[in-house]
Amino acid sequence: MKEECKVVSDPRFSKCQIALKGLPNEVYDIEWDLIMVDAPTGYHDGAPGRMKAIYTAGLMARNREDGETDVFVHDVDRVVEDKFSKTFLCEGYLREQEGRIRHFTIPSHRTRLGRPFCP
């Protein structure tokens, strides 16, 4: 995990290569209470996978003005979803897992400057 990927910022301006930057502005401007990552397809070699979606969901949660965002990731039995959710949504923010769905609660990092990317 490169240093530029540990910087909490608006995903549109992130220097991290896996940040999704091309979504409509409304997606970035909303302070989401809940984000569900269940796309894009990632179960075959030609599919893009969910690495960017997982990373960007974590950035959007951390970048909200205050409060917490619940992030759910589906298909965590697959290698990419498992590793990326634990790395970028952080095991310290993991609340529970039920079957193939993992639930993280990520606090705003703007209300407490200096908070590490992962606890």
C-alpha atoms as a PDB file:
ATOM      1  CA  MET A   1       0.000   0.000   0.000  1.00  0.00           C
ATOM      2  CA  LYS A   2       1.771   3.109  -1.264  1.00  0.00           C
ATOM      3  CA  GLU A   3       1.741   6.301   0.789  1.00  0.00           C
ATOM      4  CA  GLU A   4      -0.432   8.143  -1.744  1.00  0.00           C
ATOM      5  CA  CYS A   5      -3.133   5.513  -1.160  1.00  0.00           C
ATOM      6  CA  LYS A   6      -3.152   6.225   2.594  1.00  0.00           C
ATOM      7  CA  VAL A   7      -3.991   9.910   2.110  1.00  0.00           C
ATOM      8  CA  VAL A   8      -7.621  10.659   2.938  1.00  0.00           C
ATOM      9  CA  SER A   9      -8.970  12.985   0.289  1.00  0.00           C
ATOM     10  CA  ASP A  10     -11.723  13.416  -2.246  1.00  0.00           C
ATOM     11  CA  PRO A  11     -11.322  10.424  -4.598  1.00  0.00           C
ATOM     12  CA  ARG A  12     -11.518  12.741  -7.634  1.00  0.00           C
ATOM     13  CA  PHE A  13      -8.212  14.288  -6.615  1.00  0.00           C
ATOM     14  CA  SER A  14      -6.479  11.264  -5.092  1.00  0.00           C
ATOM     15  CA  LYS A  15      -3.005  10.455  -6.374  1.00  0.00           C
ATOM     16  CA  CYS A  16      -3.685   6.770  -5.726  1.00  0.00           C
ATOM     17  CA  GLN A  17      -4.051   4.914  -9.029  1.00  0.00           C
ATOM     18  CA  ILE A  18      -6.934   2.754  -7.815  1.00  0.00           C
ATOM     19  CA  ALA A  19      -9.259   5.638  -6.892  1.00  0.00           C
ATOM     20  CA  LEU A  20     -12.353   5.889  -9.094  1.00  0.00           C
ATOM     21  CA  LYS A  21     -12.280   9.404 -10.539  1.00  0.00           C
ATOM     22  CA  GLY A  22     -14.858   9.304 -13.328  1.00  0.00           C
ATOM     23  CA  LEU A  23     -18.147   8.963 -11.461  1.00  0.00           C
ATOM     24  CA  PRO A  24     -20.738  11.782 -11.593  1.00  0.00           C
ATOM     25  CA  ASN A  25     -19.992  14.603  -9.127  1.00  0.00           C
ATOM     26  CA  GLU A  26     -23.198  13.842  -7.198  1.00  0.00           C
ATOM     27  CA  VAL A  27     -21.708  10.503  -6.119  1.00  0.00           C
ATOM     28  CA  TYR A  28     -18.703  12.214  -4.531  1.00  0.00           C
ATOM     29  CA  ASP A  29     -20.654  15.133  -3.042  1.00  0.00           C
ATOM     30  CA  ILE A  30     -23.118  13.022  -1.028  1.00  0.00           C
ATOM     31  CA  GLU A  31     -22.156  12.077   2.521  1.00  0.00           C
ATOM     32  CA  TRP A  32     -23.168   8.449   2.393  1.00  0.00           C
ATOM     33  CA  ASP A  33     -24.515   6.676   5.475  1.00  0.00           C
ATOM     34  CA  LEU A  34     -24.254   3.319   3.735  1.00  0.00           C
ATOM     35  CA  ILE A  35     -22.292   2.038   0.735  1.00  0.00           C
ATOM     36  CA  MET A  36     -22.767  -1.428  -0.760  1.00  0.00           C
ATOM     37  CA  VAL A  37     -19.959  -2.786  -2.936  1.00  0.00           C
ATOM     38  CA  ASP A  38     -21.356  -5.528  -5.152  1.00  0.00           C
ATOM     39  CA  ALA A  39     -19.972  -4.567  -8.567  1.00  0.00           C
ATOM     40  CA  PRO A  40     -18.367  -4.605 -11.011  1.00  0.00           C
ATOM     41  CA  THR A  41     -18.136  -8.280 -11.831  1.00  0.00           C
ATOM     42  CA  GLY A  42     -14.943  -9.873 -10.656  1.00  0.00           C
ATOM     43  CA  TYR A  43     -15.358 -13.619 -10.910  1.00  0.00           C
ATOM     44  CA  HIS A  44     -13.537 -14.236 -14.216  1.00  0.00           C
ATOM     45  CA  ASP A  45     -10.263 -13.066 -15.739  1.00  0.00           C
ATOM     46  CA  GLY A  46     -11.857 -10.603 -18.187  1.00  0.00           C
ATOM     47  CA  ALA A  47     -13.858  -8.808 -15.478  1.00  0.00           C
ATOM     48  CA  PRO A  48     -12.595  -5.553 -13.939  1.00  0.00           C
ATOM     49  CA  GLY A  49     -13.133  -6.643 -10.328  1.00  0.00           C
ATOM     50  CA  ARG A  50     -13.945  -4.557  -7.277  1.00  0.00           C
ATOM     51  CA  MET A  51     -10.554  -3.225  -6.207  1.00  0.00           C
ATOM     52  CA  LYS A  52     -11.316   0.364  -7.241  1.00  0.00           C
ATOM     53  CA  ALA A  53     -14.868   0.252  -5.870  1.00  0.00           C
ATOM     54  CA  ILE A  54     -13.677  -1.012  -2.472  1.00  0.00           C
ATOM     55  CA  TYR A  55     -10.878   1.556  -2.221  1.00  0.00           C
ATOM     56  CA  THR A  56     -13.111   4.449  -3.314  1.00  0.00           C
ATOM     57  CA  ALA A  57     -15.890   3.454  -0.886  1.00  0.00           C
ATOM     58  CA  GLY A  58     -13.337   3.619   1.931  1.00  0.00           C
ATOM     59  CA  LEU A  59     -12.113   7.048   0.817  1.00  0.00           C
ATOM     60  CA  MET A  60     -15.636   8.420   0.545  1.00  0.00           C
ATOM     61  CA  ALA A  61     -16.460   7.144   4.033  1.00  0.00           C
ATOM     62  CA  ARG A  62     -13.321   8.654   5.566  1.00  0.00           C
ATOM     63  CA  ASN A  63     -13.783  11.950   3.718  1.00  0.00           C
ATOM     64  CA  ARG A  64     -17.299  12.733   4.996  1.00  0.00           C
ATOM     65  CA  GLU A  65     -17.664  15.838   7.169  1.00  0.00           C
ATOM     66  CA  ASP A  66     -18.429  13.880  10.356  1.00  0.00           C
ATOM     67  CA  GLY A  67     -20.095  10.691  11.548  1.00  0.00           C
ATOM     68  CA  GLU A  68     -19.688   7.145  10.279  1.00  0.00           C
ATOM     69  CA  THR A  69     -20.421   5.235   7.095  1.00  0.00           C
ATOM     70  CA  ASP A  70     -21.403   1.582   7.018  1.00  0.00           C
ATOM     71  CA  VAL A  71     -19.730  -0.179   4.099  1.00  0.00           C
ATOM     72  CA  PHE A  72     -20.827  -3.643   3.017  1.00  0.00           C
ATOM     73  CA  VAL A  73     -18.822  -5.809   0.619  1.00  0.00           C
ATOM     74  CA  HIS A  74     -20.363  -8.828  -1.086  1.00  0.00           C
ATOM     75  CA  ASP A  75     -18.493 -11.976  -2.177  1.00  0.00           C
ATOM     76  CA  VAL A  76     -15.724 -11.735   0.425  1.00  0.00           C
ATOM     77  CA  ASP A  77     -15.112 -15.446  -0.098  1.00  0.00           C
ATOM     78  CA  ARG A  78     -13.184 -14.411  -3.243  1.00  0.00           C
ATOM     79  CA  VAL A  79      -9.500 -13.465  -2.959  1.00  0.00           C
ATOM     80  CA  VAL A  80      -9.738  -9.863  -4.254  1.00  0.00           C
ATOM     81  CA  GLU A  81     -12.777  -8.902  -2.181  1.00  0.00           C
ATOM     82  CA  ASP A  82     -11.241 -10.504   0.904  1.00  0.00           C
ATOM     83  CA  LYS A  83      -7.808  -8.886   0.648  1.00  0.00           C
ATOM     84  CA  PHE A  84      -8.883  -5.461  -0.583  1.00  0.00           C
ATOM     85  CA  SER A  85     -11.685  -5.074   1.952  1.00  0.00           C
ATOM     86  CA  LYS A  86      -9.367  -5.989   4.833  1.00  0.00           C
ATOM     87  CA  THR A  87      -6.645  -3.677   3.515  1.00  0.00           C
ATOM     88  CA  PHE A  88      -8.588  -0.587   2.441  1.00  0.00           C
ATOM     89  CA  LEU A  89     -11.666  -0.771   4.669  1.00  0.00           C
ATOM     90  CA  CYS A  90      -9.439  -2.071   7.488  1.00  0.00           C
ATOM     91  CA  GLU A  91      -9.855  -5.048   9.765  1.00  0.00           C
ATOM     92  CA  GLY A  92     -10.053  -2.624  12.696  1.00  0.00           C
ATOM     93  CA  TYR A  93     -13.295  -1.231  11.257  1.00  0.00           C
ATOM     94  CA  LEU A  94     -14.773  -4.687  10.594  1.00  0.00           C
ATOM     95  CA  ARG A  95     -18.029  -5.127  12.529  1.00  0.00           C
ATOM     96  CA  GLU A  96     -19.290  -8.483  11.341  1.00  0.00           C
ATOM     97  CA  GLN A  97     -19.424 -10.993   8.549  1.00  0.00           C
ATOM     98  CA  GLU A  98     -22.450 -13.035   7.630  1.00  0.00           C
ATOM     99  CA  GLY A  99     -21.775 -15.578   4.921  1.00  0.00           C
ATOM    100  CA  ARG A 100     -20.293 -13.752   1.944  1.00  0.00           C
ATOM    101  CA  ILE A 101     -21.118 -10.219   3.176  1.00  0.00           C
ATOM    102  CA  ARG A 102     -18.697  -8.226   5.319  1.00  0.00           C
ATOM    103  CA  HIS A 103     -19.766  -5.092   7.239  1.00  0.00           C
ATOM    104  CA  PHE A 104     -17.347  -2.274   8.119  1.00  0.00           C
ATOM    105  CA  THR A 105     -18.136   0.936  10.014  1.00  0.00           C
ATOM    106  CA  ILE A 106     -15.711   3.677   8.986  1.00  0.00           C
ATOM    107  CA  PRO A 107     -15.543   6.976  10.882  1.00  0.00           C
ATOM    108  CA  SER A 108     -14.920  10.367   9.338  1.00  0.00           C
ATOM    109  CA  HIS A 109     -11.220  11.159   9.293  1.00  0.00           C
ATOM    110  CA  ARG A 110     -11.881  14.865   8.821  1.00  0.00           C
ATOM    111  CA  THR A 111     -13.149  15.322  12.375  1.00  0.00           C
ATOM    112  CA  ARG A 112      -9.945  13.977  13.881  1.00  0.00           C
ATOM    113  CA  LEU A 113      -6.895  14.978  11.875  1.00  0.00           C
ATOM    114  CA  GLY A 114      -3.960  12.663  12.173  1.00  0.00           C
ATOM    115  CA  ARG A 115      -6.122   9.558  12.489  1.00  0.00           C
ATOM    116  CA  PRO A 116      -4.251   6.669  10.833  1.00  0.00           C
ATOM    117  CA  PHE A 117      -5.739   5.194   7.663  1.00  0.00           C
ATOM    118  CA  CYS A 118      -6.368   1.958   9.577  1.00  0.00           C
ATOM    119  CA  PRO A 119      -6.710   1.649  13.345  1.00  0.00           C
END
